[in-house]
Amino acid sequence: MALEKELQYFETIKRELLQHHKDKFALIKDELLIGTFTKMEEAYEEGVNRYGKEPFLIKKIVENESPESLPSLMTGAIRADF
């Protein structure tokens, strides 16, 4: 599964991230925390600058996650393929 290593690593450091970076966005590649960012766009820009089209993980640092819905994507109003 894509980004499985990154997701597992996030879970191992989540408690510490919550203490120091709650509500920010973590940028993770492999098992390395690249940084935390106030805005998702900043994390994305840094990820693209460093890794180009290689996959990397951006995850919001919150205690309890709520599912996100992208109705425009689901109905075909926008496309996510590159």
PDB file of N, CA and C in Angstrom:
ATOM      1  N   MET A   1       0.841  -1.187   0.000  1.00  0.00           N
ATOM      2  CA  MET A   1       0.000   0.000   0.000  1.00  0.00           C
ATOM      3  C   MET A   1       0.884   1.248   0.000  1.00  0.00           C
ATOM      4  N   ALA A   2       0.541   2.203  -0.821  1.00  0.00           N
ATOM      5  CA  ALA A   2       1.306   3.450  -0.900  1.00  0.00           C
ATOM      6  C   ALA A   2       1.237   4.191   0.427  1.00  0.00           C
ATOM      7  N   LEU A   3       2.347   4.725   0.851  1.00  0.00           N
ATOM      8  CA  LEU A   3       2.476   5.539   2.060  1.00  0.00           C
ATOM      9  C   LEU A   3       2.230   4.760   3.355  1.00  0.00           C
ATOM     10  N   GLU A   4       2.226   3.439   3.301  1.00  0.00           N
ATOM     11  CA  GLU A   4       2.015   2.632   4.500  1.00  0.00           C
ATOM     12  C   GLU A   4       3.114   2.890   5.538  1.00  0.00           C
ATOM     13  N   LYS A   5       4.361   2.956   5.065  1.00  0.00           N
ATOM     14  CA  LYS A   5       5.486   3.209   5.966  1.00  0.00           C
ATOM     15  C   LYS A   5       5.342   4.571   6.644  1.00  0.00           C
ATOM     16  N   GLU A   6       4.942   5.576   5.871  1.00  0.00           N
ATOM     17  CA  GLU A   6       4.771   6.924   6.402  1.00  0.00           C
ATOM     18  C   GLU A   6       3.635   6.985   7.434  1.00  0.00           C
ATOM     19  N   LEU A   7       2.536   6.313   7.143  1.00  0.00           N
ATOM     20  CA  LEU A   7       1.404   6.295   8.077  1.00  0.00           C
ATOM     21  C   LEU A   7       1.774   5.602   9.383  1.00  0.00           C
ATOM     22  N   GLN A   8       2.500   4.495   9.294  1.00  0.00           N
ATOM     23  CA  GLN A   8       2.931   3.796  10.507  1.00  0.00           C
ATOM     24  C   GLN A   8       3.875   4.674  11.327  1.00  0.00           C
ATOM     25  N   TYR A   9       4.778   5.348  10.650  1.00  0.00           N
ATOM     26  CA  TYR A   9       5.709   6.231  11.351  1.00  0.00           C
ATOM     27  C   TYR A   9       4.955   7.377  12.035  1.00  0.00           C
ATOM     28  N   PHE A  10       3.987   7.950  11.341  1.00  0.00           N
ATOM     29  CA  PHE A  10       3.183   9.018  11.933  1.00  0.00           C
ATOM     30  C   PHE A  10       2.545   8.541  13.240  1.00  0.00           C
ATOM     31  N   GLU A  11       1.988   7.341  13.232  1.00  0.00           N
ATOM     32  CA  GLU A  11       1.338   6.814  14.442  1.00  0.00           C
ATOM     33  C   GLU A  11       2.340   6.647  15.586  1.00  0.00           C
ATOM     34  N   THR A  12       3.587   6.315  15.272  1.00  0.00           N
ATOM     35  CA  THR A  12       4.578   6.138  16.341  1.00  0.00           C
ATOM     36  C   THR A  12       4.991   7.469  16.970  1.00  0.00           C
ATOM     37  N   ILE A  13       4.913   8.561  16.210  1.00  0.00           N
ATOM     38  CA  ILE A  13       5.334   9.863  16.741  1.00  0.00           C
ATOM     39  C   ILE A  13       4.147  10.785  17.037  1.00  0.00           C
ATOM     40  N   LYS A  14       2.934  10.296  16.864  1.00  0.00           N
ATOM     41  CA  LYS A  14       1.743  11.133  16.997  1.00  0.00           C
ATOM     42  C   LYS A  14       1.636  11.783  18.374  1.00  0.00           C
ATOM     43  N   ARG A  15       1.886  11.036  19.433  1.00  0.00           N
ATOM     44  CA  ARG A  15       1.756  11.585  20.789  1.00  0.00           C
ATOM     45  C   ARG A  15       2.682  12.791  20.984  1.00  0.00           C
ATOM     46  N   GLU A  16       3.916  12.657  20.536  1.00  0.00           N
ATOM     47  CA  GLU A  16       4.869  13.770  20.655  1.00  0.00           C
ATOM     48  C   GLU A  16       4.456  14.948  19.774  1.00  0.00           C
ATOM     49  N   LEU A  17       3.995  14.660  18.572  1.00  0.00           N
ATOM     50  CA  LEU A  17       3.540  15.728  17.683  1.00  0.00           C
ATOM     51  C   LEU A  17       2.361  16.487  18.297  1.00  0.00           C
ATOM     52  N   LEU A  18       1.459  15.774  18.924  1.00  0.00           N
ATOM     53  CA  LEU A  18       0.306  16.423  19.561  1.00  0.00           C
ATOM     54  C   LEU A  18       0.744  17.369  20.677  1.00  0.00           C
ATOM     55  N   GLN A  19       1.808  17.022  21.376  1.00  0.00           N
ATOM     56  CA  GLN A  19       2.286  17.868  22.467  1.00  0.00           C
ATOM     57  C   GLN A  19       2.879  19.177  21.962  1.00  0.00           C
ATOM     58  N   HIS A  20       3.544  19.132  20.817  1.00  0.00           N
ATOM     59  CA  HIS A  20       4.306  20.290  20.355  1.00  0.00           C
ATOM     60  C   HIS A  20       3.786  20.942  19.068  1.00  0.00           C
ATOM     61  N   HIS A  21       2.957  20.229  18.304  1.00  0.00           N
ATOM     62  CA  HIS A  21       2.569  20.732  16.976  1.00  0.00           C
ATOM     63  C   HIS A  21       1.094  20.499  16.656  1.00  0.00           C
ATOM     64  N   LYS A  22       0.247  20.466  17.675  1.00  0.00           N
ATOM     65  CA  LYS A  22      -1.172  20.185  17.465  1.00  0.00           C
ATOM     66  C   LYS A  22      -1.791  21.164  16.461  1.00  0.00           C
ATOM     67  N   ASP A  23      -2.623  20.625  15.584  1.00  0.00           N
ATOM     68  CA  ASP A  23      -3.355  21.357  14.546  1.00  0.00           C
ATOM     69  C   ASP A  23      -2.472  21.856  13.404  1.00  0.00           C
ATOM     70  N   LYS A  24      -1.226  21.441  13.371  1.00  0.00           N
ATOM     71  CA  LYS A  24      -0.365  21.735  12.226  1.00  0.00           C
ATOM     72  C   LYS A  24      -0.378  20.537  11.286  1.00  0.00           C
ATOM     73  N   PHE A  25       0.379  20.632  10.201  1.00  0.00           N
ATOM     74  CA  PHE A  25       0.451  19.570   9.205  1.00  0.00           C
ATOM     75  C   PHE A  25       1.859  18.990   9.192  1.00  0.00           C
ATOM     76  N   ALA A  26       1.955  17.676   9.338  1.00  0.00           N
ATOM     77  CA  ALA A  26       3.247  16.990   9.326  1.00  0.00           C
ATOM     78  C   ALA A  26       3.552  16.542   7.898  1.00  0.00           C
ATOM     79  N   LEU A  27       4.783  16.760   7.476  1.00  0.00           N
ATOM     80  CA  LEU A  27       5.279  16.265   6.190  1.00  0.00           C
ATOM     81  C   LEU A  27       6.236  15.132   6.504  1.00  0.00           C
ATOM     82  N   ILE A  28       5.918  13.933   5.995  1.00  0.00           N
ATOM     83  CA  ILE A  28       6.703  12.740   6.290  1.00  0.00           C
ATOM     84  C   ILE A  28       7.062  12.033   4.996  1.00  0.00           C
ATOM     85  N   LYS A  29       8.322  11.623   4.914  1.00  0.00           N
ATOM     86  CA  LYS A  29       8.805  10.812   3.791  1.00  0.00           C
ATOM     87  C   LYS A  29       9.544   9.634   4.389  1.00  0.00           C
ATOM     88  N   ASP A  30       9.156   8.442   3.995  1.00  0.00           N
ATOM     89  CA  ASP A  30       9.691   7.210   4.572  1.00  0.00           C
ATOM     90  C   ASP A  30       9.468   7.251   6.080  1.00  0.00           C
ATOM     91  N   GLU A  31      10.516   7.156   6.872  1.00  0.00           N
ATOM     92  CA  GLU A  31      10.383   7.238   8.330  1.00  0.00           C
ATOM     93  C   GLU A  31      11.122   8.467   8.841  1.00  0.00           C
ATOM     94  N   LEU A  32      10.846   9.591   8.189  1.00  0.00           N
ATOM     95  CA  LEU A  32      11.505  10.846   8.535  1.00  0.00           C
ATOM     96  C   LEU A  32      10.473  11.972   8.551  1.00  0.00           C
ATOM     97  N   LEU A  33      10.408  12.666   9.675  1.00  0.00           N
ATOM     98  CA  LEU A  33       9.570  13.857   9.767  1.00  0.00           C
ATOM     99  C   LEU A  33      10.355  15.004   9.147  1.00  0.00           C
ATOM    100  N   ILE A  34       9.892  15.490   8.014  1.00  0.00           N
ATOM    101  CA  ILE A  34      10.579  16.574   7.313  1.00  0.00           C
ATOM    102  C   ILE A  34      10.327  17.885   8.040  1.00  0.00           C
ATOM    103  N   GLY A  35       9.100  18.086   8.526  1.00  0.00           N
ATOM    104  CA  GLY A  35       8.769  19.300   9.245  1.00  0.00           C
ATOM    105  C   GLY A  35       7.280  19.383   9.517  1.00  0.00           C
ATOM    106  N   THR A  36       6.909  20.401  10.281  1.00  0.00           N
ATOM    107  CA  THR A  36       5.493  20.681  10.514  1.00  0.00           C
ATOM    108  C   THR A  36       5.206  22.080   9.998  1.00  0.00           C
ATOM    109  N   PHE A  37       3.988  22.265   9.514  1.00  0.00           N
ATOM    110  CA  PHE A  37       3.624  23.496   8.833  1.00  0.00           C
ATOM    111  C   PHE A  37       2.249  23.970   9.303  1.00  0.00           C
ATOM    112  N   THR A  38       2.064  25.266   9.314  1.00  0.00           N
ATOM    113  CA  THR A  38       0.792  25.853   9.721  1.00  0.00           C
ATOM    114  C   THR A  38      -0.294  25.589   8.687  1.00  0.00           C
ATOM    115  N   LYS A  39       0.073  25.618   7.412  1.00  0.00           N
ATOM    116  CA  LYS A  39      -0.892  25.427   6.331  1.00  0.00           C
ATOM    117  C   LYS A  39      -0.511  24.197   5.514  1.00  0.00           C
ATOM    118  N   MET A  40      -1.534  23.467   5.048  1.00  0.00           N
ATOM    119  CA  MET A  40      -1.287  22.287   4.231  1.00  0.00           C
ATOM    120  C   MET A  40      -0.550  22.664   2.946  1.00  0.00           C
ATOM    121  N   GLU A  41      -0.866  23.832   2.404  1.00  0.00           N
ATOM    122  CA  GLU A  41      -0.227  24.269   1.167  1.00  0.00           C
ATOM    123  C   GLU A  41       1.285  24.416   1.338  1.00  0.00           C
ATOM    124  N   GLU A  42       1.700  24.876   2.507  1.00  0.00           N
ATOM    125  CA  GLU A  42       3.146  25.017   2.775  1.00  0.00           C
ATOM    126  C   GLU A  42       3.817  23.651   2.825  1.00  0.00           C
ATOM    127  N   ALA A  43       3.155  22.683   3.463  1.00  0.00           N
ATOM    128  CA  ALA A  43       3.700  21.324   3.531  1.00  0.00           C
ATOM    129  C   ALA A  43       3.766  20.713   2.133  1.00  0.00           C
ATOM    130  N   TYR A  44       2.732  20.916   1.341  1.00  0.00           N
ATOM    131  CA  TYR A  44       2.695  20.384  -0.021  1.00  0.00           C
ATOM    132  C   TYR A  44       3.810  20.983  -0.873  1.00  0.00           C
ATOM    133  N   GLU A  45       3.970  22.289  -0.791  1.00  0.00           N
ATOM    134  CA  GLU A  45       5.016  22.956  -1.572  1.00  0.00           C
ATOM    135  C   GLU A  45       6.401  22.422  -1.203  1.00  0.00           C
ATOM    136  N   GLU A  46       6.656  22.248   0.087  1.00  0.00           N
ATOM    137  CA  GLU A  46       7.940  21.711   0.528  1.00  0.00           C
ATOM    138  C   GLU A  46       8.136  20.282   0.031  1.00  0.00           C
ATOM    139  N   GLY A  47       7.072  19.479   0.105  1.00  0.00           N
ATOM    140  CA  GLY A  47       7.150  18.105  -0.388  1.00  0.00           C
ATOM    141  C   GLY A  47       7.450  18.033  -1.872  1.00  0.00           C
ATOM    142  N   VAL A  48       6.788  18.857  -2.662  1.00  0.00           N
ATOM    143  CA  VAL A  48       7.023  18.873  -4.106  1.00  0.00           C
ATOM    144  C   VAL A  48       8.437  19.371  -4.416  1.00  0.00           C
ATOM    145  N   ASN A  49       8.879  20.401  -3.706  1.00  0.00           N
ATOM    146  CA  ASN A  49      10.237  20.908  -3.920  1.00  0.00           C
ATOM    147  C   ASN A  49      11.287  19.849  -3.628  1.00  0.00           C
ATOM    148  N   ARG A  50      11.067  19.059  -2.586  1.00  0.00           N
ATOM    149  CA  ARG A  50      12.050  18.036  -2.199  1.00  0.00           C
ATOM    150  C   ARG A  50      11.938  16.762  -3.021  1.00  0.00           C
ATOM    151  N   TYR A  51      10.703  16.311  -3.301  1.00  0.00           N
ATOM    152  CA  TYR A  51      10.506  14.965  -3.837  1.00  0.00           C
ATOM    153  C   TYR A  51       9.834  14.905  -5.197  1.00  0.00           C
ATOM    154  N   GLY A  52       9.439  16.045  -5.732  1.00  0.00           N
ATOM    155  CA  GLY A  52       8.806  16.037  -7.050  1.00  0.00           C
ATOM    156  C   GLY A  52       7.556  15.175  -7.052  1.00  0.00           C
ATOM    157  N   LYS A  53       7.513  14.201  -7.953  1.00  0.00           N
ATOM    158  CA  LYS A  53       6.328  13.351  -8.091  1.00  0.00           C
ATOM    159  C   LYS A  53       6.376  12.108  -7.212  1.00  0.00           C
ATOM    160  N   GLU A  54       7.436  11.936  -6.430  1.00  0.00           N
ATOM    161  CA  GLU A  54       7.489  10.804  -5.499  1.00  0.00           C
ATOM    162  C   GLU A  54       6.430  10.999  -4.416  1.00  0.00           C
ATOM    163  N   PRO A  55       5.841   9.905  -3.934  1.00  0.00           N
ATOM    164  CA  PRO A  55       4.826  10.058  -2.885  1.00  0.00           C
ATOM    165  C   PRO A  55       5.429  10.487  -1.544  1.00  0.00           C
ATOM    166  N   PHE A  56       4.706  11.326  -0.847  1.00  0.00           N
ATOM    167  CA  PHE A  56       5.050  11.747   0.507  1.00  0.00           C
ATOM    168  C   PHE A  56       3.743  11.968   1.245  1.00  0.00           C
ATOM    169  N   LEU A  57       3.801  11.972   2.568  1.00  0.00           N
ATOM    170  CA  LEU A  57       2.598  12.073   3.376  1.00  0.00           C
ATOM    171  C   LEU A  57       2.489  13.443   4.021  1.00  0.00           C
ATOM    172  N   ILE A  58       1.311  14.032   3.916  1.00  0.00           N
ATOM    173  CA  ILE A  58       0.967  15.238   4.675  1.00  0.00           C
ATOM    174  C   ILE A  58      -0.231  14.854   5.527  1.00  0.00           C
ATOM    175  N   LYS A  59      -0.090  15.031   6.832  1.00  0.00           N
ATOM    176  CA  LYS A  59      -1.155  14.608   7.746  1.00  0.00           C
ATOM    177  C   LYS A  59      -1.363  15.674   8.805  1.00  0.00           C
ATOM    178  N   LYS A  60      -2.621  16.035   9.017  1.00  0.00           N
ATOM    179  CA  LYS A  60      -2.949  17.005  10.061  1.00  0.00           C
ATOM    180  C   LYS A  60      -2.775  16.342  11.424  1.00  0.00           C
ATOM    181  N   ILE A  61      -2.191  17.077  12.343  1.00  0.00           N
ATOM    182  CA  ILE A  61      -1.896  16.555  13.670  1.00  0.00           C
ATOM    183  C   ILE A  61      -3.065  16.897  14.589  1.00  0.00           C
ATOM    184  N   VAL A  62      -3.966  15.934  14.745  1.00  0.00           N
ATOM    185  CA  VAL A  62      -5.148  16.099  15.584  1.00  0.00           C
ATOM    186  C   VAL A  62      -5.346  14.829  16.402  1.00  0.00           C
ATOM    187  N   GLU A  63      -6.036  14.978  17.548  1.00  0.00           N
ATOM    188  CA  GLU A  63      -6.297  13.810  18.405  1.00  0.00           C
ATOM    189  C   GLU A  63      -7.221  12.832  17.717  1.00  0.00           C
ATOM    190  N   ASN A  64      -8.368  13.307  17.290  1.00  0.00           N
ATOM    191  CA  ASN A  64      -9.373  12.452  16.667  1.00  0.00           C
ATOM    192  C   ASN A  64      -9.632  12.944  15.260  1.00  0.00           C
ATOM    193  N   GLU A  65      -9.462  12.050  14.319  1.00  0.00           N
ATOM    194  CA  GLU A  65      -9.664  12.420  12.921  1.00  0.00           C
ATOM    195  C   GLU A  65     -11.135  12.274  12.558  1.00  0.00           C
ATOM    196  N   SER A  66     -11.594  13.178  11.715  1.00  0.00           N
ATOM    197  CA  SER A  66     -12.937  13.054  11.176  1.00  0.00           C
ATOM    198  C   SER A  66     -12.803  12.807   9.678  1.00  0.00           C
ATOM    199  N   PRO A  67     -13.644  11.938   9.131  1.00  0.00           N
ATOM    200  CA  PRO A  67     -13.549  11.650   7.699  1.00  0.00           C
ATOM    201  C   PRO A  67     -13.816  12.895   6.868  1.00  0.00           C
ATOM    202  N   GLU A  68     -13.119  12.990   5.757  1.00  0.00           N
ATOM    203  CA  GLU A  68     -13.316  14.117   4.847  1.00  0.00           C
ATOM    204  C   GLU A  68     -14.106  13.641   3.645  1.00  0.00           C
ATOM    205  N   SER A  69     -14.912  14.520   3.117  1.00  0.00           N
ATOM    206  CA  SER A  69     -15.718  14.210   1.957  1.00  0.00           C
ATOM    207  C   SER A  69     -15.365  15.171   0.836  1.00  0.00           C
ATOM    208  N   LEU A  70     -15.213  14.627  -0.354  1.00  0.00           N
ATOM    209  CA  LEU A  70     -14.907  15.440  -1.528  1.00  0.00           C
ATOM    210  C   LEU A  70     -15.990  15.213  -2.580  1.00  0.00           C
ATOM    211  N   PRO A  71     -17.172  15.802  -2.387  1.00  0.00           N
ATOM    212  CA  PRO A  71     -18.280  15.528  -3.299  1.00  0.00           C
ATOM    213  C   PRO A  71     -17.973  15.864  -4.756  1.00  0.00           C
ATOM    214  N   SER A  72     -17.216  16.904  -5.010  1.00  0.00           N
ATOM    215  CA  SER A  72     -16.895  17.258  -6.396  1.00  0.00           C
ATOM    216  C   SER A  72     -16.077  16.161  -7.053  1.00  0.00           C
ATOM    217  N   LEU A  73     -15.166  15.564  -6.307  1.00  0.00           N
ATOM    218  CA  LEU A  73     -14.341  14.481  -6.822  1.00  0.00           C
ATOM    219  C   LEU A  73     -15.198  13.236  -7.056  1.00  0.00           C
ATOM    220  N   MET A  74     -16.076  12.936  -6.121  1.00  0.00           N
ATOM    221  CA  MET A  74     -16.909  11.733  -6.217  1.00  0.00           C
ATOM    222  C   MET A  74     -17.898  11.800  -7.363  1.00  0.00           C
ATOM    223  N   THR A  75     -18.403  12.973  -7.656  1.00  0.00           N
ATOM    224  CA  THR A  75     -19.399  13.114  -8.725  1.00  0.00           C
ATOM    225  C   THR A  75     -18.770  13.329 -10.091  1.00  0.00           C
ATOM    226  N   GLY A  76     -17.459  13.501 -10.118  1.00  0.00           N
ATOM    227  CA  GLY A  76     -16.787  13.710 -11.395  1.00  0.00           C
ATOM    228  C   GLY A  76     -16.684  15.154 -11.807  1.00  0.00           C
ATOM    229  N   ALA A  77     -17.074  16.081 -10.938  1.00  0.00           N
ATOM    230  CA  ALA A  77     -16.999  17.508 -11.264  1.00  0.00           C
ATOM    231  C   ALA A  77     -15.549  17.979 -11.391  1.00  0.00           C
ATOM    232  N   ILE A  78     -14.651  17.291 -10.675  1.00  0.00           N
ATOM    233  CA  ILE A  78     -13.208  17.543 -10.827  1.00  0.00           C
ATOM    234  C   ILE A  78     -12.534  16.185 -10.953  1.00  0.00           C
ATOM    235  N   ARG A  79     -11.297  16.194 -11.460  1.00  0.00           N
ATOM    236  CA  ARG A  79     -10.540  14.958 -11.624  1.00  0.00           C
ATOM    237  C   ARG A  79      -9.256  15.037 -10.824  1.00  0.00           C
ATOM    238  N   ALA A  80      -8.817  13.893 -10.327  1.00  0.00           N
ATOM    239  CA  ALA A  80      -7.600  13.838  -9.522  1.00  0.00           C
ATOM    240  C   ALA A  80      -6.485  13.074 -10.213  1.00  0.00           C
ATOM    241  N   ASP A  81      -6.675  12.644 -11.445  1.00  0.00           N
ATOM    242  CA  ASP A  81      -5.597  11.915 -12.136  1.00  0.00           C
ATOM    243  C   ASP A  81      -4.664  12.902 -12.820  1.00  0.00           C
ATOM    244  N   PHE A  82      -3.414  12.552 -12.838  1.00  0.00           N
ATOM    245  CA  PHE A  82      -2.393  13.442 -13.409  1.00  0.00           C
ATOM    246  C   PHE A  82      -1.871  12.883 -14.695  1.00  0.00           C
TER     247      PHE A  82
END
